[in-house]
Amino acid sequence: MKTEIVLTAVAEDRPGLVGEISAVVAAHGGNWIDSAMTRLGGQFAGVVRVGVAQESAAALEVALSALDKKGISIGLHAHENESQLIGSVASLSLIGQDQPGMISQVSAVLGAHGVSIDRLDSLVEPGSMSGEPMFKATAQIILPETLDMDKLLEALEEIAGDLMIEIEQDVTEG
């Protein structure tokens, strides 16, 4: 019987990190199912979902934890059956002058309306005209079937201030 493990990995970025992690997974008969990895501020960070035979899971977890000796911090999380979010997929984009709390404010409004964030990417970069730090974020979100889109947009407009927030609903159903 197979089981799934979701692991998080954080380390000072260097060549070969993914190879070190994937070699441990492969050595224990694990299957690398999906992942999201990136380099942030000189650190490597990733989330990986692996499948492994139930009888090999404990040994895999021990081996992954041992990567700490190589400077790779691993977090392990048991993975239950993936729940499917029901609703339509939409894209959200946000841009504004960088200020603390932007994601906190937007995610609070989304959560209050039952909207789930499926993926979020963000960065701060100099503005093209002013050179001032600009915060940019894009997200894939799941809009619940019961969502009142007008109320969501109204709530986002209330917090927008200098932010430009745009939601584009895709045709894809979740």
N, C-alpha and C. Protein backbone atom coordinates (compact mmCIF):
# COMPACT_ATOMS: atom_id res chain seq x y z
N MET A 1 0.84 -1.18 0.00
CA MET A 1 0.00 0.00 0.00
C MET A 1 0.89 1.24 0.00
N LYS A 2 0.48 2.24 -0.78
CA LYS A 2 1.25 3.49 -0.89
C LYS A 2 0.74 4.51 0.12
N THR A 3 1.65 5.34 0.56
CA THR A 3 1.31 6.49 1.39
C THR A 3 1.98 7.71 0.79
N GLU A 4 1.47 8.87 1.11
CA GLU A 4 2.07 10.09 0.60
C GLU A 4 2.57 10.95 1.74
N ILE A 5 3.69 11.63 1.48
CA ILE A 5 4.30 12.53 2.44
C ILE A 5 4.51 13.86 1.74
N VAL A 6 4.20 14.94 2.41
CA VAL A 6 4.52 16.27 1.91
C VAL A 6 5.70 16.76 2.74
N LEU A 7 6.77 17.14 2.05
CA LEU A 7 7.94 17.62 2.77
C LEU A 7 8.25 19.04 2.36
N THR A 8 8.76 19.80 3.31
CA THR A 8 9.24 21.14 3.01
C THR A 8 10.76 21.10 3.15
N ALA A 9 11.44 21.84 2.33
CA ALA A 9 12.90 21.89 2.37
C ALA A 9 13.35 23.34 2.30
N VAL A 10 14.28 23.69 3.19
CA VAL A 10 14.86 25.04 3.19
C VAL A 10 16.35 24.88 3.44
N ALA A 11 17.16 25.59 2.63
CA ALA A 11 18.61 25.52 2.78
C ALA A 11 19.23 26.74 2.12
N GLU A 12 20.43 27.05 2.51
CA GLU A 12 21.16 28.09 1.79
C GLU A 12 21.36 27.57 0.37
N ASP A 13 21.02 28.39 -0.62
CA ASP A 13 21.04 27.93 -2.00
C ASP A 13 22.44 27.53 -2.45
N ARG A 14 22.50 26.40 -3.13
CA ARG A 14 23.74 25.91 -3.73
C ARG A 14 23.37 24.87 -4.78
N PRO A 15 24.24 24.66 -5.75
CA PRO A 15 23.94 23.64 -6.76
C PRO A 15 23.80 22.26 -6.12
N GLY A 16 22.89 21.47 -6.65
CA GLY A 16 22.76 20.08 -6.22
C GLY A 16 21.75 19.81 -5.12
N LEU A 17 21.07 20.82 -4.61
CA LEU A 17 20.13 20.59 -3.52
C LEU A 17 18.97 19.67 -3.92
N VAL A 18 18.37 19.95 -5.06
CA VAL A 18 17.26 19.10 -5.51
C VAL A 18 17.76 17.68 -5.73
N GLY A 19 18.96 17.56 -6.27
CA GLY A 19 19.55 16.23 -6.47
C GLY A 19 19.73 15.46 -5.17
N GLU A 20 20.18 16.14 -4.12
CA GLU A 20 20.37 15.48 -2.82
C GLU A 20 19.04 14.98 -2.26
N ILE A 21 18.02 15.83 -2.35
CA ILE A 21 16.71 15.45 -1.82
C ILE A 21 16.10 14.32 -2.64
N SER A 22 16.15 14.47 -3.97
CA SER A 22 15.53 13.46 -4.83
C SER A 22 16.27 12.12 -4.76
N ALA A 23 17.57 12.14 -4.52
CA ALA A 23 18.32 10.89 -4.38
C ALA A 23 17.85 10.11 -3.15
N VAL A 24 17.57 10.82 -2.06
CA VAL A 24 17.08 10.15 -0.84
C VAL A 24 15.70 9.55 -1.12
N VAL A 25 14.85 10.31 -1.79
CA VAL A 25 13.50 9.80 -2.12
C VAL A 25 13.62 8.55 -2.99
N ALA A 26 14.44 8.61 -4.03
CA ALA A 26 14.60 7.47 -4.95
C ALA A 26 15.21 6.26 -4.25
N ALA A 27 16.17 6.49 -3.36
CA ALA A 27 16.83 5.37 -2.66
C ALA A 27 15.86 4.58 -1.78
N HIS A 28 14.75 5.20 -1.45
CA HIS A 28 13.75 4.51 -0.63
C HIS A 28 12.52 4.10 -1.44
N GLY A 29 12.68 4.08 -2.77
CA GLY A 29 11.59 3.65 -3.65
C GLY A 29 10.47 4.67 -3.76
N GLY A 30 10.77 5.90 -3.39
CA GLY A 30 9.75 6.94 -3.42
C GLY A 30 9.53 7.50 -4.80
N ASN A 31 8.34 8.00 -5.04
CA ASN A 31 7.96 8.61 -6.29
C ASN A 31 7.73 10.10 -6.07
N TRP A 32 8.48 10.95 -6.75
CA TRP A 32 8.36 12.40 -6.68
C TRP A 32 7.11 12.78 -7.47
N ILE A 33 6.02 13.16 -6.79
CA ILE A 33 4.74 13.39 -7.46
C ILE A 33 4.63 14.82 -7.99
N ASP A 34 4.75 15.78 -7.11
CA ASP A 34 4.73 17.17 -7.56
C ASP A 34 5.48 18.04 -6.57
N SER A 35 5.85 19.23 -7.04
CA SER A 35 6.66 20.11 -6.20
C SER A 35 6.55 21.55 -6.67
N ALA A 36 6.89 22.44 -5.76
CA ALA A 36 7.03 23.86 -6.06
C ALA A 36 8.30 24.30 -5.34
N MET A 37 9.25 24.82 -6.08
CA MET A 37 10.54 25.19 -5.51
C MET A 37 10.99 26.53 -6.06
N THR A 38 11.75 27.26 -5.24
CA THR A 38 12.22 28.55 -5.68
C THR A 38 13.43 28.99 -4.87
N ARG A 39 14.09 30.01 -5.36
CA ARG A 39 15.21 30.64 -4.66
C ARG A 39 14.69 31.99 -4.17
N LEU A 40 14.78 32.22 -2.87
CA LEU A 40 14.30 33.46 -2.28
C LEU A 40 15.38 34.02 -1.37
N GLY A 41 15.88 35.21 -1.68
CA GLY A 41 16.84 35.87 -0.81
C GLY A 41 18.05 35.02 -0.48
N GLY A 42 18.55 34.27 -1.44
CA GLY A 42 19.72 33.44 -1.22
C GLY A 42 19.41 32.09 -0.58
N GLN A 43 18.14 31.86 -0.27
CA GLN A 43 17.72 30.58 0.31
C GLN A 43 16.95 29.80 -0.74
N PHE A 44 17.10 28.49 -0.68
CA PHE A 44 16.32 27.59 -1.51
C PHE A 44 15.14 27.13 -0.65
N ALA A 45 13.94 27.15 -1.20
CA ALA A 45 12.77 26.68 -0.46
C ALA A 45 11.91 25.85 -1.40
N GLY A 46 11.38 24.77 -0.88
CA GLY A 46 10.54 23.93 -1.71
C GLY A 46 9.55 23.12 -0.91
N VAL A 47 8.50 22.73 -1.59
CA VAL A 47 7.49 21.83 -1.06
C VAL A 47 7.36 20.70 -2.06
N VAL A 48 7.40 19.47 -1.57
CA VAL A 48 7.37 18.30 -2.44
C VAL A 48 6.37 17.29 -1.90
N ARG A 49 5.59 16.70 -2.79
CA ARG A 49 4.71 15.59 -2.42
C ARG A 49 5.30 14.32 -3.02
N VAL A 50 5.57 13.34 -2.16
CA VAL A 50 6.13 12.08 -2.62
C VAL A 50 5.21 10.93 -2.21
N GLY A 51 5.22 9.89 -3.04
CA GLY A 51 4.52 8.65 -2.72
C GLY A 51 5.56 7.58 -2.43
N VAL A 52 5.28 6.74 -1.45
CA VAL A 52 6.22 5.70 -1.06
C VAL A 52 5.43 4.53 -0.47
N ALA A 53 5.99 3.34 -0.62
CA ALA A 53 5.36 2.17 -0.01
C ALA A 53 5.28 2.39 1.49
N GLN A 54 4.16 2.02 2.08
CA GLN A 54 3.93 2.28 3.50
C GLN A 54 5.05 1.71 4.36
N GLU A 55 5.56 0.54 3.99
CA GLU A 55 6.63 -0.09 4.79
C GLU A 55 7.96 0.64 4.67
N SER A 56 8.12 1.53 3.69
CA SER A 56 9.36 2.30 3.53
C SER A 56 9.25 3.73 4.04
N ALA A 57 8.06 4.14 4.42
CA ALA A 57 7.83 5.54 4.79
C ALA A 57 8.67 5.98 5.99
N ALA A 58 8.72 5.18 7.02
CA ALA A 58 9.46 5.57 8.23
C ALA A 58 10.95 5.73 7.92
N ALA A 59 11.52 4.80 7.15
CA ALA A 59 12.94 4.88 6.80
C ALA A 59 13.21 6.11 5.93
N LEU A 60 12.28 6.42 5.01
CA LEU A 60 12.43 7.61 4.17
C LEU A 60 12.42 8.86 5.04
N GLU A 61 11.51 8.93 5.97
CA GLU A 61 11.43 10.10 6.85
C GLU A 61 12.70 10.28 7.66
N VAL A 62 13.28 9.19 8.16
CA VAL A 62 14.54 9.26 8.92
C VAL A 62 15.66 9.76 8.01
N ALA A 63 15.73 9.22 6.80
CA ALA A 63 16.79 9.62 5.86
C ALA A 63 16.65 11.08 5.45
N LEU A 64 15.43 11.52 5.22
CA LEU A 64 15.22 12.93 4.87
C LEU A 64 15.61 13.85 6.03
N SER A 65 15.24 13.46 7.24
CA SER A 65 15.60 14.26 8.41
C SER A 65 17.11 14.35 8.59
N ALA A 66 17.84 13.32 8.16
CA ALA A 66 19.30 13.32 8.28
C ALA A 66 19.95 14.34 7.36
N LEU A 67 19.21 14.85 6.37
CA LEU A 67 19.76 15.89 5.50
C LEU A 67 20.07 17.17 6.26
N ASP A 68 19.54 17.28 7.47
CA ASP A 68 19.84 18.44 8.32
C ASP A 68 21.35 18.57 8.54
N LYS A 69 22.04 17.44 8.58
CA LYS A 69 23.51 17.45 8.76
C LYS A 69 24.22 18.08 7.56
N LYS A 70 23.53 18.13 6.42
CA LYS A 70 24.08 18.75 5.22
C LYS A 70 23.54 20.17 5.03
N GLY A 71 22.87 20.70 6.05
CA GLY A 71 22.37 22.06 5.98
C GLY A 71 21.02 22.20 5.30
N ILE A 72 20.32 21.08 5.11
CA ILE A 72 18.99 21.11 4.49
C ILE A 72 17.96 20.82 5.58
N SER A 73 17.18 21.82 5.91
CA SER A 73 16.14 21.66 6.93
C SER A 73 14.90 21.08 6.26
N ILE A 74 14.47 19.92 6.74
CA ILE A 74 13.33 19.22 6.15
C ILE A 74 12.19 19.16 7.17
N GLY A 75 11.01 19.54 6.73
CA GLY A 75 9.79 19.36 7.53
C GLY A 75 8.97 18.26 6.88
N LEU A 76 8.41 17.38 7.68
CA LEU A 76 7.64 16.25 7.15
C LEU A 76 6.19 16.34 7.61
N HIS A 77 5.28 16.08 6.68
CA HIS A 77 3.87 16.19 6.98
C HIS A 77 3.14 15.03 6.32
N ALA A 78 2.38 14.28 7.11
CA ALA A 78 1.57 13.20 6.54
C ALA A 78 0.56 13.81 5.59
N HIS A 79 0.32 13.14 4.48
CA HIS A 79 -0.60 13.66 3.48
C HIS A 79 -1.81 12.75 3.41
N GLU A 80 -2.96 13.31 3.70
CA GLU A 80 -4.21 12.57 3.59
C GLU A 80 -4.72 12.70 2.16
N ASN A 81 -5.81 12.06 1.89
CA ASN A 81 -6.41 12.19 0.56
C ASN A 81 -6.66 13.65 0.26
N GLU A 82 -6.31 14.04 -0.94
CA GLU A 82 -6.45 15.44 -1.34
C GLU A 82 -7.92 15.79 -1.51
N SER A 83 -8.34 16.82 -0.80
CA SER A 83 -9.73 17.26 -0.95
C SER A 83 -9.81 18.17 -2.17
N GLN A 84 -10.84 17.98 -2.92
CA GLN A 84 -11.04 18.80 -4.11
C GLN A 84 -11.87 20.02 -3.74
N LEU A 85 -11.36 21.18 -4.08
CA LEU A 85 -12.13 22.40 -3.88
C LEU A 85 -13.11 22.54 -5.04
N ILE A 86 -14.34 22.84 -4.70
CA ILE A 86 -15.36 22.96 -5.72
C ILE A 86 -15.59 24.45 -5.99
N GLY A 87 -15.55 24.81 -7.24
CA GLY A 87 -15.76 26.19 -7.62
C GLY A 87 -15.07 26.47 -8.94
N SER A 88 -15.05 27.73 -9.29
CA SER A 88 -14.40 28.11 -10.54
C SER A 88 -13.02 28.70 -10.26
N VAL A 89 -12.14 28.52 -11.20
CA VAL A 89 -10.77 29.00 -11.09
C VAL A 89 -10.73 30.43 -11.60
N ALA A 90 -9.99 31.27 -10.90
CA ALA A 90 -9.83 32.65 -11.32
C ALA A 90 -8.39 33.08 -11.09
N SER A 91 -8.00 34.14 -11.75
CA SER A 91 -6.67 34.72 -11.56
C SER A 91 -6.84 36.06 -10.85
N LEU A 92 -5.97 36.32 -9.91
CA LEU A 92 -5.98 37.58 -9.19
C LEU A 92 -4.61 38.22 -9.38
N SER A 93 -4.58 39.48 -9.68
CA SER A 93 -3.31 40.19 -9.76
C SER A 93 -3.40 41.43 -8.88
N LEU A 94 -2.30 41.77 -8.28
CA LEU A 94 -2.23 42.88 -7.35
C LEU A 94 -0.93 43.62 -7.62
N ILE A 95 -1.00 44.93 -7.66
CA ILE A 95 0.21 45.74 -7.79
C ILE A 95 -0.01 47.02 -7.00
N GLY A 96 1.04 47.46 -6.34
CA GLY A 96 0.95 48.71 -5.60
C GLY A 96 2.29 49.04 -4.99
N GLN A 97 2.40 50.26 -4.48
CA GLN A 97 3.63 50.65 -3.82
C GLN A 97 3.79 49.75 -2.60
N ASP A 98 4.98 49.21 -2.42
CA ASP A 98 5.23 48.24 -1.36
C ASP A 98 4.92 48.84 0.01
N GLN A 99 4.18 48.08 0.81
CA GLN A 99 3.86 48.48 2.18
C GLN A 99 3.55 47.22 2.98
N PRO A 100 3.83 47.24 4.27
CA PRO A 100 3.54 46.06 5.09
C PRO A 100 2.05 45.73 5.11
N GLY A 101 1.75 44.45 5.13
CA GLY A 101 0.37 43.99 5.32
C GLY A 101 -0.48 43.84 4.08
N MET A 102 0.09 44.01 2.91
CA MET A 102 -0.73 43.93 1.70
C MET A 102 -1.34 42.54 1.52
N ILE A 103 -0.55 41.52 1.59
CA ILE A 103 -1.06 40.15 1.43
C ILE A 103 -2.00 39.80 2.57
N SER A 104 -1.69 40.25 3.76
CA SER A 104 -2.55 39.98 4.91
C SER A 104 -3.95 40.53 4.69
N GLN A 105 -4.03 41.76 4.21
CA GLN A 105 -5.33 42.39 3.98
C GLN A 105 -6.11 41.68 2.88
N VAL A 106 -5.45 41.41 1.77
CA VAL A 106 -6.14 40.79 0.64
C VAL A 106 -6.56 39.36 0.99
N SER A 107 -5.67 38.59 1.63
CA SER A 107 -6.02 37.21 1.96
C SER A 107 -7.13 37.14 3.00
N ALA A 108 -7.20 38.13 3.90
CA ALA A 108 -8.30 38.16 4.89
C ALA A 108 -9.64 38.36 4.18
N VAL A 109 -9.68 39.24 3.20
CA VAL A 109 -10.92 39.47 2.44
C VAL A 109 -11.28 38.20 1.67
N LEU A 110 -10.30 37.59 1.01
CA LEU A 110 -10.58 36.38 0.24
C LEU A 110 -11.13 35.28 1.16
N GLY A 111 -10.46 35.07 2.29
CA GLY A 111 -10.89 34.04 3.23
C GLY A 111 -12.29 34.29 3.78
N ALA A 112 -12.60 35.56 4.06
CA ALA A 112 -13.93 35.91 4.58
C ALA A 112 -15.04 35.60 3.58
N HIS A 113 -14.68 35.51 2.30
CA HIS A 113 -15.66 35.21 1.26
C HIS A 113 -15.56 33.77 0.76
N GLY A 114 -14.80 32.95 1.49
CA GLY A 114 -14.69 31.53 1.14
C GLY A 114 -13.81 31.24 -0.05
N VAL A 115 -13.01 32.21 -0.47
CA VAL A 115 -12.12 32.03 -1.61
C VAL A 115 -10.83 31.38 -1.14
N SER A 116 -10.40 30.36 -1.84
CA SER A 116 -9.17 29.65 -1.49
C SER A 116 -8.05 30.05 -2.44
N ILE A 117 -6.86 30.24 -1.88
CA ILE A 117 -5.69 30.55 -2.71
C ILE A 117 -5.02 29.24 -3.07
N ASP A 118 -4.98 28.94 -4.35
CA ASP A 118 -4.38 27.70 -4.84
C ASP A 118 -2.88 27.88 -5.06
N ARG A 119 -2.48 29.05 -5.54
CA ARG A 119 -1.07 29.35 -5.79
C ARG A 119 -0.89 30.85 -5.66
N LEU A 120 0.22 31.26 -5.06
CA LEU A 120 0.51 32.68 -4.89
C LEU A 120 1.98 32.93 -5.18
N ASP A 121 2.25 33.87 -6.06
CA ASP A 121 3.61 34.30 -6.37
C ASP A 121 3.67 35.80 -6.16
N SER A 122 4.75 36.27 -5.51
CA SER A 122 4.87 37.70 -5.28
C SER A 122 6.33 38.12 -5.34
N LEU A 123 6.54 39.43 -5.57
CA LEU A 123 7.88 39.98 -5.55
C LEU A 123 7.80 41.48 -5.38
N VAL A 124 8.91 42.06 -4.95
CA VAL A 124 9.05 43.50 -4.85
C VAL A 124 10.17 43.88 -5.81
N GLU A 125 9.90 44.87 -6.67
CA GLU A 125 10.91 45.34 -7.61
C GLU A 125 10.75 46.84 -7.81
N PRO A 126 11.79 47.50 -8.28
CA PRO A 126 11.69 48.95 -8.49
C PRO A 126 10.64 49.28 -9.55
N GLY A 127 9.87 50.34 -9.30
CA GLY A 127 8.87 50.79 -10.26
C GLY A 127 9.55 51.32 -11.51
N SER A 128 8.91 51.16 -12.64
CA SER A 128 9.53 51.55 -13.91
C SER A 128 9.74 53.05 -14.03
N MET A 129 8.87 53.84 -13.48
CA MET A 129 8.99 55.30 -13.59
C MET A 129 9.71 55.90 -12.39
N SER A 130 9.24 55.56 -11.19
CA SER A 130 9.74 56.22 -9.99
C SER A 130 10.94 55.54 -9.36
N GLY A 131 11.10 54.27 -9.61
CA GLY A 131 12.15 53.50 -8.95
C GLY A 131 11.78 53.10 -7.53
N GLU A 132 10.60 53.56 -7.05
CA GLU A 132 10.11 53.18 -5.72
C GLU A 132 9.78 51.69 -5.72
N PRO A 133 9.94 51.02 -4.58
CA PRO A 133 9.62 49.59 -4.52
C PRO A 133 8.13 49.34 -4.80
N MET A 134 7.88 48.48 -5.76
CA MET A 134 6.52 48.10 -6.12
C MET A 134 6.31 46.63 -5.77
N PHE A 135 5.18 46.35 -5.12
CA PHE A 135 4.82 44.99 -4.76
C PHE A 135 3.90 44.45 -5.85
N LYS A 136 4.23 43.28 -6.35
CA LYS A 136 3.41 42.63 -7.37
C LYS A 136 3.10 41.21 -6.91
N ALA A 137 1.87 40.81 -7.10
CA ALA A 137 1.48 39.44 -6.75
C ALA A 137 0.49 38.93 -7.78
N THR A 138 0.58 37.65 -8.05
CA THR A 138 -0.40 36.97 -8.88
C THR A 138 -0.81 35.71 -8.13
N ALA A 139 -2.07 35.38 -8.25
CA ALA A 139 -2.57 34.20 -7.55
C ALA A 139 -3.58 33.48 -8.42
N GLN A 140 -3.59 32.19 -8.26
CA GLN A 140 -4.68 31.39 -8.82
C GLN A 140 -5.58 31.11 -7.63
N ILE A 141 -6.85 31.43 -7.76
CA ILE A 141 -7.78 31.28 -6.65
C ILE A 141 -8.97 30.43 -7.08
N ILE A 142 -9.63 29.84 -6.09
CA ILE A 142 -10.82 29.04 -6.33
C ILE A 142 -12.01 29.79 -5.74
N LEU A 143 -12.94 30.16 -6.60
CA LEU A 143 -14.13 30.89 -6.18
C LEU A 143 -15.24 29.88 -5.87
N PRO A 144 -15.75 29.88 -4.64
CA PRO A 144 -16.81 28.91 -4.31
C PRO A 144 -18.07 29.18 -5.13
N GLU A 145 -18.85 28.13 -5.32
CA GLU A 145 -20.08 28.24 -6.12
C GLU A 145 -21.05 29.26 -5.53
N THR A 146 -21.01 29.43 -4.22
CA THR A 146 -21.96 30.32 -3.54
C THR A 146 -21.48 31.77 -3.45
N LEU A 147 -20.34 32.08 -4.06
CA LEU A 147 -19.75 33.41 -3.95
C LEU A 147 -20.60 34.48 -4.62
N ASP A 148 -20.78 35.57 -3.92
CA ASP A 148 -21.38 36.77 -4.51
C ASP A 148 -20.21 37.63 -4.98
N MET A 149 -19.90 37.57 -6.27
CA MET A 149 -18.73 38.25 -6.83
C MET A 149 -18.79 39.75 -6.58
N ASP A 150 -19.95 40.34 -6.66
CA ASP A 150 -20.08 41.79 -6.42
C ASP A 150 -19.64 42.15 -5.00
N LYS A 151 -20.03 41.33 -4.02
CA LYS A 151 -19.64 41.59 -2.63
C LYS A 151 -18.13 41.42 -2.44
N LEU A 152 -17.55 40.42 -3.10
CA LEU A 152 -16.10 40.23 -3.02
C LEU A 152 -15.38 41.44 -3.60
N LEU A 153 -15.78 41.86 -4.78
CA LEU A 153 -15.13 43.00 -5.42
C LEU A 153 -15.30 44.27 -4.59
N GLU A 154 -16.47 44.44 -4.00
CA GLU A 154 -16.71 45.60 -3.13
C GLU A 154 -15.78 45.58 -1.92
N ALA A 155 -15.61 44.41 -1.31
CA ALA A 155 -14.73 44.28 -0.15
C ALA A 155 -13.28 44.54 -0.54
N LEU A 156 -12.86 44.07 -1.70
CA LEU A 156 -11.49 44.32 -2.17
C LEU A 156 -11.29 45.81 -2.46
N GLU A 157 -12.31 46.45 -3.03
CA GLU A 157 -12.20 47.89 -3.31
C GLU A 157 -12.04 48.69 -2.03
N GLU A 158 -12.67 48.25 -0.94
CA GLU A 158 -12.59 48.95 0.34
C GLU A 158 -11.16 48.98 0.87
N ILE A 159 -10.40 47.92 0.64
CA ILE A 159 -9.03 47.88 1.15
C ILE A 159 -8.01 48.34 0.13
N ALA A 160 -8.46 48.54 -1.11
CA ALA A 160 -7.52 48.78 -2.20
C ALA A 160 -6.67 50.03 -2.00
N GLY A 161 -7.25 51.16 -1.66
CA GLY A 161 -6.45 52.37 -1.53
C GLY A 161 -5.61 52.58 -2.77
N ASP A 162 -4.30 52.50 -2.62
CA ASP A 162 -3.38 52.68 -3.74
C ASP A 162 -3.11 51.37 -4.47
N LEU A 163 -3.73 50.30 -4.05
CA LEU A 163 -3.51 49.02 -4.70
C LEU A 163 -4.36 48.91 -5.96
N MET A 164 -3.84 48.22 -6.93
CA MET A 164 -4.64 47.86 -8.09
C MET A 164 -4.84 46.36 -7.99
N ILE A 165 -6.08 45.94 -7.82
CA ILE A 165 -6.40 44.52 -7.68
C ILE A 165 -7.35 44.16 -8.81
N GLU A 166 -7.04 43.08 -9.50
CA GLU A 166 -7.86 42.65 -10.62
C GLU A 166 -8.10 41.15 -10.48
N ILE A 167 -9.34 40.75 -10.71
CA ILE A 167 -9.70 39.33 -10.71
C ILE A 167 -10.27 39.00 -12.07
N GLU A 168 -9.71 37.99 -12.70
CA GLU A 168 -10.22 37.51 -13.99
C GLU A 168 -10.66 36.06 -13.80
N GLN A 169 -11.92 35.80 -14.03
CA GLN A 169 -12.46 34.47 -13.85
C GLN A 169 -12.21 33.65 -15.12
N ASP A 170 -11.64 32.45 -14.92
CA ASP A 170 -11.42 31.54 -16.03
C ASP A 170 -12.68 30.72 -16.25
N VAL A 171 -12.74 30.06 -17.39
CA VAL A 171 -13.89 29.23 -17.71
C VAL A 171 -13.77 27.88 -17.00
N THR A 172 -12.56 27.48 -16.62
CA THR A 172 -12.29 26.18 -16.00
C THR A 172 -13.08 26.01 -14.71
N GLU A 173 -13.69 24.89 -14.55
CA GLU A 173 -14.39 24.57 -13.30
C GLU A 173 -13.50 23.66 -12.46
N GLY A 174 -13.46 23.86 -11.13
CA GLY A 174 -12.64 23.07 -10.22
C GLY A 174 -13.31 21.80 -9.82
